[in-house]
Each structure stands twice: as C-alpha cells, then as structure tokens.
Amino acid sequence: MPLHNSIVEITTIVEDWDPDHGKFGCRIGCLKYCPQELIARYYQGIRVLPLDIHNQYIDQIPVSQCISYCGFGEPALNPHFIDMIEYACNRGNPVEVCSTLVGLTELQAHRLVKLPIAHFLLHHPDYYHNAKIPLTEEYYRVLKIIEEPGGIEYLRDIRMGGCFVTVYVEDMARHPERMQRKLARRMCDFMKNLNYVLMPNGDMFYCCMTRGLSNKVGNLHETSFNELASRHKEIGKAMSKDPNSICHICPSSYNYYLDKGQQIKNRILSGRTIKELFLGDMVK
C-alpha cells in the first residue's frame, strides 16, 4: 500500500511453496487476500535478497525515487532488512516500510526507529486470523519499541479485520476469468506515476496489482533502471489499450476517456461549477 505517488517496492524474500508440508509462500499467510501459493510457485531465482545485490539495485535508482520495503512478502524476514533500509536512507532516498514486524528483533527495532523513514504502515494481527502473526513476547517488545514515544514518527495502521476492503489481487491472480472484463481503454494512478515491484532476482513488475505473475517490464541484471523507467509510459499505454491486459480486470483502473473528459472540464471551469461559470457573483 504505497504512500508516495511514485515508488519502487522491494521484495526482500520469496519463501518456498510446499503444499506437501502445508507451506504456501510467505509465512504470514494472508492467503485470503494474497495469492502467495502462486507467487512462490512461479517465481524463479534467488529467494532471499543478499545485501550486496540489494545495494547494486539501489545504486541504479535515482536518489529522488522513493524506495518501499514491502513487495510480495514480509520484508523483515530477510536478515539484512535493517541494513537495506540504512543503505537506502544513507544514500538519500525517501523510504517507506510496510511490515508486520515478524522477523524483527529488539536490536533491529532500536536501529530502525533511528532511521528517517518517511512512512511506516504497520500491519497488525486481526480478529479473524487472516494474517498469521505469532503473538510472542518478543513481538510485543518489538511493537512497543516501534509505537512508544521516540519510536517510528510517521506510523499508520492496517489490519485485515471486518472493515478491511480487498483490492482483489487474489481474485485477479487465481481466477482472472471470473473478473469482469472492461472494454474501454483504461487508466490508473500506476500509469501516471512509476510504481514498480522489484524481486530478489532482479525482475521488475509493472505494479503491485500483478503479484509478480504478469506484466514483467524487465530485469535489472539485463537492463538499467533508467532504461526501464524511460519505457514506463509506453508500456502503460500499451497495457491500457490491450483488452487482455490485467488493467482491463483490475478494480483500481478507470475509464481513460472519462478521466480525460474530467480533466478537460476542470481545466475549462478552473474548479468552478457550470452554474458558477455562467452566473458568476450571483451564485452565493
């Protein structure tokens, strides 16, 4: 759930998928809302992002670009999680984090709260146990460090409880044929602003809605970030027109032509209503 308009999400770890032993990717197991079994099954390459490879990836990304430690799994499960954040912060990139805190130690938590994190989205346990967050003594000690005065300054909360609203990435991945397919050209905020998801093997996906299953734009081992970013609008335009793209079943997309019409209307009216435009000062 990105908080900046333009981000690169870092997936620090892709855990194994092993149905014979009841393992389905990320151990947090939000399977109701996240197709972890498909992400883990189809992903190829190194599964735990090494720190030196992470640093090579970050070095390709402009300092102005926001880095989000979230991606398609719990980022704190990577043992170098804090080292990665420190590297990005020291380089000067704005940094976001979305985490359940699972995998984070008290020592790491004390290091984390000292970093200039722009936003931290804290994923809490929920009553329905959709997120399998172990409520250990260490978890509560880490949580206290994060939440108490002197902890993370820009903290927001999320929990997959009764009021949680899905964005349907799970349905788009598991049953795309059941999703309502929209015919008109599509538009979304991801097309207006770069929002890529980077995997440990260097694969870059167009947005978080793909769950790493479709719309791969390239690989940082083969093509530089700047080159991939330069093709962002071109790729988005092709996806918006392609009736078979994920954009045409994605609930986050909206009608391109209606959006353009609204922009023209706002430009002509300068924020006024049609009544205000014609009647001017007579409108109270």
Protein backbone atom coordinates (compact mmCIF):
# COMPACT_ATOMS: atom_id res chain seq x y z
CA MET A 1 0.00 0.00 0.00
CA PRO A 2 2.25 2.80 -1.22
CA LEU A 3 2.03 6.22 0.43
CA HIS A 4 4.16 8.14 -2.07
CA ASN A 5 2.90 8.69 -5.63
CA SER A 6 5.92 7.07 -7.26
CA ILE A 7 7.78 4.17 -5.67
CA VAL A 8 9.92 1.11 -6.24
CA GLU A 9 8.77 -1.69 -3.95
CA ILE A 10 11.50 -4.08 -2.81
CA THR A 11 10.59 -7.73 -2.27
CA THR A 12 13.34 -8.84 0.12
CA ILE A 13 12.32 -12.50 0.31
CA VAL A 14 10.13 -15.03 -1.53
CA GLU A 15 9.56 -18.01 0.73
CA ASP A 16 9.16 -21.53 -0.65
CA TRP A 17 5.88 -23.04 -1.72
CA ASP A 18 5.48 -26.60 -0.41
CA PRO A 19 1.89 -27.92 -0.38
CA ASP A 20 3.00 -31.33 0.91
CA HIS A 21 4.08 -29.75 4.17
CA GLY A 22 1.42 -27.06 4.35
CA LYS A 23 3.71 -24.19 3.32
CA PHE A 24 2.32 -21.60 0.93
CA GLY A 25 4.92 -18.90 0.42
CA CYS A 26 5.13 -16.03 2.90
CA ARG A 27 4.67 -17.43 6.40
CA ILE A 28 2.33 -14.58 7.39
CA GLY A 29 -0.15 -16.48 5.23
CA CYS A 30 -2.66 -13.77 4.28
CA LEU A 31 -3.97 -16.25 1.72
CA LYS A 32 -7.48 -14.85 1.78
CA TYR A 33 -6.15 -11.62 0.26
CA CYS A 34 -2.78 -12.54 -1.28
CA PRO A 35 -2.07 -15.39 -3.75
CA GLN A 36 1.15 -16.47 -2.02
CA GLU A 37 0.93 -20.02 -3.34
CA LEU A 38 1.11 -18.71 -6.93
CA ILE A 39 3.83 -16.13 -6.26
CA ALA A 40 6.09 -18.71 -4.61
CA ARG A 41 5.31 -21.45 -7.15
CA TYR A 42 6.08 -19.43 -10.27
CA TYR A 43 8.98 -17.33 -9.01
CA GLN A 44 12.42 -18.41 -10.25
CA GLY A 45 15.81 -17.40 -8.85
CA ILE A 46 17.35 -16.46 -5.52
CA ARG A 47 14.69 -16.26 -2.85
CA VAL A 48 16.48 -14.25 -0.16
CA LEU A 49 17.85 -10.95 -1.47
CA PRO A 50 21.55 -10.63 -0.48
CA LEU A 51 22.63 -7.25 0.88
CA ASP A 52 25.30 -6.68 -1.78
CA ILE A 53 22.84 -7.40 -4.61
CA HIS A 54 20.27 -5.12 -2.95
CA ASN A 55 22.84 -2.33 -2.85
CA GLN A 56 23.63 -2.84 -6.53
CA TYR A 57 19.95 -2.50 -7.35
CA ILE A 58 19.54 0.64 -5.20
CA ASP A 59 22.60 2.24 -6.80
CA GLN A 60 20.78 2.19 -10.14
CA ILE A 61 17.75 4.03 -8.79
CA PRO A 62 17.72 7.87 -8.66
CA VAL A 63 18.08 9.36 -5.17
CA SER A 64 14.78 11.20 -5.66
CA GLN A 65 12.89 7.92 -6.11
CA CYS A 66 11.02 6.57 -3.08
CA ILE A 67 12.00 3.05 -2.02
CA SER A 68 9.30 0.96 -0.34
CA TYR A 69 10.22 -2.14 1.65
CA CYS A 70 7.05 -4.15 1.15
CA GLY A 71 6.65 -6.09 -2.09
CA PHE A 72 5.22 -9.60 -2.26
CA GLY A 73 6.22 -10.84 1.20
CA GLU A 74 7.11 -9.77 4.72
CA PRO A 75 10.31 -7.70 4.27
CA ALA A 76 11.56 -8.13 7.86
CA LEU A 77 12.02 -11.87 7.29
CA ASN A 78 15.19 -11.02 5.39
CA PRO A 79 18.04 -10.96 7.97
CA HIS A 80 19.53 -7.89 6.24
CA PHE A 81 16.27 -5.91 6.37
CA ILE A 82 17.63 -3.09 8.56
CA ASP A 83 20.93 -2.95 6.68
CA MET A 84 18.97 -2.45 3.47
CA ILE A 85 16.89 0.39 4.89
CA GLU A 86 20.01 2.03 6.31
CA TYR A 87 21.71 1.85 2.92
CA ALA A 88 18.77 3.48 1.11
CA CYS A 89 18.37 6.17 3.80
CA ASN A 90 22.09 6.97 3.89
CA ARG A 91 22.05 7.26 0.11
CA GLY A 92 19.28 9.87 0.40
CA ASN A 93 16.24 8.03 -0.99
CA PRO A 94 12.87 8.59 0.71
CA VAL A 95 11.95 5.28 2.35
CA GLU A 96 8.61 3.66 3.18
CA VAL A 97 8.07 0.41 5.07
CA CYS A 98 5.07 -1.90 5.23
CA SER A 99 5.58 -4.68 7.76
CA THR A 100 4.00 -6.99 10.33
CA LEU A 101 7.28 -6.84 12.33
CA VAL A 102 7.58 -10.64 12.07
CA GLY A 103 11.27 -11.45 11.83
CA LEU A 104 12.36 -8.22 13.51
CA THR A 105 14.48 -8.47 16.67
CA GLU A 106 14.60 -5.95 19.50
CA LEU A 107 18.10 -4.90 18.49
CA GLN A 108 16.94 -4.31 14.91
CA ALA A 109 13.90 -2.39 16.14
CA HIS A 110 16.14 0.00 18.11
CA ARG A 111 18.17 0.59 14.91
CA LEU A 112 15.00 1.02 12.86
CA VAL A 113 13.49 3.82 14.95
CA LYS A 114 16.64 5.91 14.47
CA LEU A 115 16.21 5.98 10.68
CA PRO A 116 14.43 8.81 8.78
CA ILE A 117 11.57 6.68 7.49
CA ALA A 118 9.02 8.77 5.60
CA HIS A 119 6.06 6.47 6.32
CA PHE A 120 5.62 3.16 8.13
CA LEU A 121 2.49 1.09 7.52
CA LEU A 122 2.20 -1.30 10.46
CA HIS A 123 0.23 -4.46 9.68
CA HIS A 124 -1.46 -5.60 12.92
CA PRO A 125 -2.92 -9.01 13.83
CA ASP A 126 -6.64 -9.30 13.14
CA TYR A 127 -9.50 -10.98 14.96
CA TYR A 128 -10.15 -13.36 12.04
CA HIS A 129 -6.51 -14.51 11.96
CA ASN A 130 -6.21 -13.67 8.27
CA ALA A 131 -2.63 -12.57 8.96
CA LYS A 132 -0.76 -15.36 10.78
CA ILE A 133 1.30 -13.12 13.08
CA PRO A 134 2.83 -15.06 16.01
CA LEU A 135 1.99 -13.15 19.19
CA THR A 136 5.20 -13.93 21.03
CA GLU A 137 6.76 -11.98 23.90
CA GLU A 138 9.42 -10.69 21.52
CA TYR A 139 6.74 -9.49 19.10
CA TYR A 140 5.15 -7.33 21.82
CA ARG A 141 8.55 -5.98 22.91
CA VAL A 142 9.36 -5.03 19.32
CA LEU A 143 5.90 -3.50 18.88
CA LYS A 144 6.42 -1.36 21.98
CA ILE A 145 9.73 -0.05 20.62
CA ILE A 146 8.05 0.89 17.33
CA GLU A 147 4.94 2.51 18.84
CA GLU A 148 6.17 4.20 22.02
CA PRO A 149 7.31 7.87 22.09
CA GLY A 150 10.64 8.06 20.34
CA GLY A 151 9.64 5.21 18.04
CA ILE A 152 8.54 5.48 14.42
CA GLU A 153 7.25 9.03 13.84
CA TYR A 154 5.09 8.60 10.74
CA LEU A 155 3.13 5.49 11.66
CA ARG A 156 -0.09 4.24 10.07
CA ASP A 157 -2.05 1.08 10.88
CA ILE A 158 -3.74 -1.65 8.88
CA ARG A 159 -5.40 -4.90 9.89
CA MET A 160 -7.31 -7.46 7.83
CA GLY A 161 -10.34 -7.35 10.10
CA GLY A 162 -14.04 -6.82 9.48
CA CYS A 163 -13.66 -3.37 7.91
CA PHE A 164 -10.78 -4.38 5.64
CA VAL A 165 -11.56 -3.87 1.94
CA THR A 166 -9.79 -6.11 -0.54
CA VAL A 167 -8.26 -4.75 -3.76
CA TYR A 168 -8.90 -8.17 -5.38
CA VAL A 169 -5.29 -9.06 -6.27
CA GLU A 170 -6.10 -12.57 -5.01
CA ASP A 171 -9.02 -12.99 -7.43
CA MET A 172 -7.15 -11.48 -10.38
CA ALA A 173 -4.32 -13.97 -9.85
CA ARG A 174 -6.33 -17.07 -9.06
CA HIS A 175 -9.43 -16.63 -11.21
CA PRO A 176 -8.87 -13.92 -13.84
CA GLU A 177 -11.59 -15.48 -15.98
CA ARG A 178 -14.16 -14.67 -13.29
CA MET A 179 -13.29 -10.99 -13.13
CA GLN A 180 -15.47 -8.53 -15.00
CA ARG A 181 -13.56 -7.50 -18.12
CA LYS A 182 -13.84 -3.83 -19.02
CA LEU A 183 -13.83 -2.97 -22.72
CA ALA A 184 -12.87 0.72 -22.88
CA ARG A 185 -9.28 1.95 -22.64
CA ARG A 186 -8.15 2.01 -19.01
CA MET A 187 -6.19 4.43 -16.82
CA CYS A 188 -4.87 4.27 -13.25
CA ASP A 189 -2.50 6.07 -10.90
CA PHE A 190 0.21 3.46 -11.58
CA MET A 191 0.23 4.56 -15.22
CA LYS A 192 0.60 8.20 -14.23
CA ASN A 193 3.40 7.51 -11.75
CA LEU A 194 6.05 4.79 -11.79
CA ASN A 195 5.23 2.08 -9.24
CA TYR A 196 7.42 -0.93 -9.97
CA VAL A 197 7.94 -4.01 -7.79
CA LEU A 198 11.47 -5.43 -7.70
CA MET A 199 12.07 -9.11 -6.93
CA PRO A 200 15.26 -10.62 -5.42
CA ASN A 201 16.31 -12.00 -8.83
CA GLY A 202 16.14 -8.54 -10.42
CA ASP A 203 12.79 -9.00 -12.16
CA MET A 204 10.77 -5.78 -12.26
CA PHE A 205 6.97 -5.87 -12.45
CA TYR A 206 4.73 -3.05 -13.58
CA CYS A 207 2.77 -2.65 -10.35
CA CYS A 208 1.83 -4.34 -7.08
CA MET A 209 -1.51 -5.48 -8.51
CA THR A 210 0.21 -8.05 -10.73
CA ARG A 211 1.52 -10.02 -7.71
CA GLY A 212 4.60 -10.89 -9.79
CA LEU A 213 2.59 -13.13 -12.10
CA SER A 214 2.23 -10.90 -15.16
CA ASN A 215 3.42 -7.71 -16.82
CA LYS A 216 7.12 -8.07 -16.17
CA VAL A 217 8.88 -5.00 -17.58
CA GLY A 218 12.46 -6.26 -17.40
CA ASN A 219 15.33 -7.34 -15.17
CA LEU A 220 17.91 -5.07 -13.53
CA HIS A 221 20.69 -7.56 -14.31
CA GLU A 222 19.95 -7.10 -18.00
CA THR A 223 18.61 -3.55 -18.33
CA SER A 224 19.31 -0.45 -16.26
CA PHE A 225 16.62 1.09 -14.10
CA ASN A 226 16.73 4.35 -16.07
CA GLU A 227 16.08 2.48 -19.31
CA LEU A 228 13.16 0.57 -17.80
CA ALA A 229 11.75 3.77 -16.30
CA SER A 230 12.02 5.57 -19.64
CA ARG A 231 9.63 2.98 -21.13
CA HIS A 232 7.09 3.31 -18.34
CA LYS A 233 4.55 5.46 -20.20
CA GLU A 234 4.97 3.44 -23.40
CA ILE A 235 4.33 0.16 -21.56
CA GLY A 236 1.39 1.65 -19.68
CA LYS A 237 -0.17 2.96 -22.87
CA ALA A 238 0.05 -0.49 -24.47
CA MET A 239 -1.48 -2.13 -21.39
CA SER A 240 -4.28 0.43 -21.25
CA LYS A 241 -5.28 -0.41 -24.84
CA ASP A 242 -4.78 -4.18 -24.66
CA PRO A 243 -8.15 -5.77 -23.77
CA ASN A 244 -6.29 -8.86 -22.49
CA SER A 245 -4.05 -6.97 -20.04
CA ILE A 246 -4.52 -7.06 -16.30
CA CYS A 247 -5.64 -3.42 -16.47
CA HIS A 248 -8.93 -4.49 -18.01
CA ILE A 249 -9.89 -6.63 -15.00
CA CYS A 250 -8.20 -4.54 -12.31
CA PRO A 251 -10.63 -2.72 -9.95
CA SER A 252 -8.04 0.05 -9.50
CA SER A 253 -8.33 1.08 -13.13
CA TYR A 254 -10.89 3.51 -14.52
CA ASN A 255 -12.15 4.64 -17.91
CA TYR A 256 -9.45 6.57 -19.78
CA TYR A 257 -11.89 8.70 -21.78
CA LEU A 258 -14.00 9.69 -18.78
CA ASP A 259 -10.82 10.67 -16.94
CA LYS A 260 -9.65 12.80 -19.87
CA GLY A 261 -13.08 14.42 -20.10
CA GLN A 262 -12.97 15.28 -16.39
CA GLN A 263 -9.52 16.82 -16.82
CA ILE A 264 -10.73 18.99 -19.71
CA LYS A 265 -13.79 20.03 -17.72
CA ASN A 266 -11.67 21.01 -14.71
CA ARG A 267 -9.29 22.96 -16.92
CA ILE A 268 -12.11 24.91 -18.59
CA LEU A 269 -14.06 25.56 -15.40
CA SER A 270 -10.98 26.20 -13.21
CA GLY A 271 -12.57 24.35 -10.33
CA ARG A 272 -15.95 26.10 -10.65
CA THR A 273 -19.32 24.52 -11.31
CA ILE A 274 -21.13 25.25 -14.58
CA LYS A 275 -23.66 27.31 -12.61
CA GLU A 276 -20.85 29.42 -11.12
CA LEU A 277 -19.28 29.84 -14.56
CA PHE A 278 -22.42 31.39 -16.08
CA LEU A 279 -23.86 33.24 -13.08
CA GLY A 280 -20.59 34.41 -11.51
CA ASP A 281 -21.06 36.55 -8.40
CA MET A 282 -24.82 35.93 -8.42
CA VAL A 283 -24.14 32.45 -7.02
CA LYS A 284 -23.90 32.55 -3.24
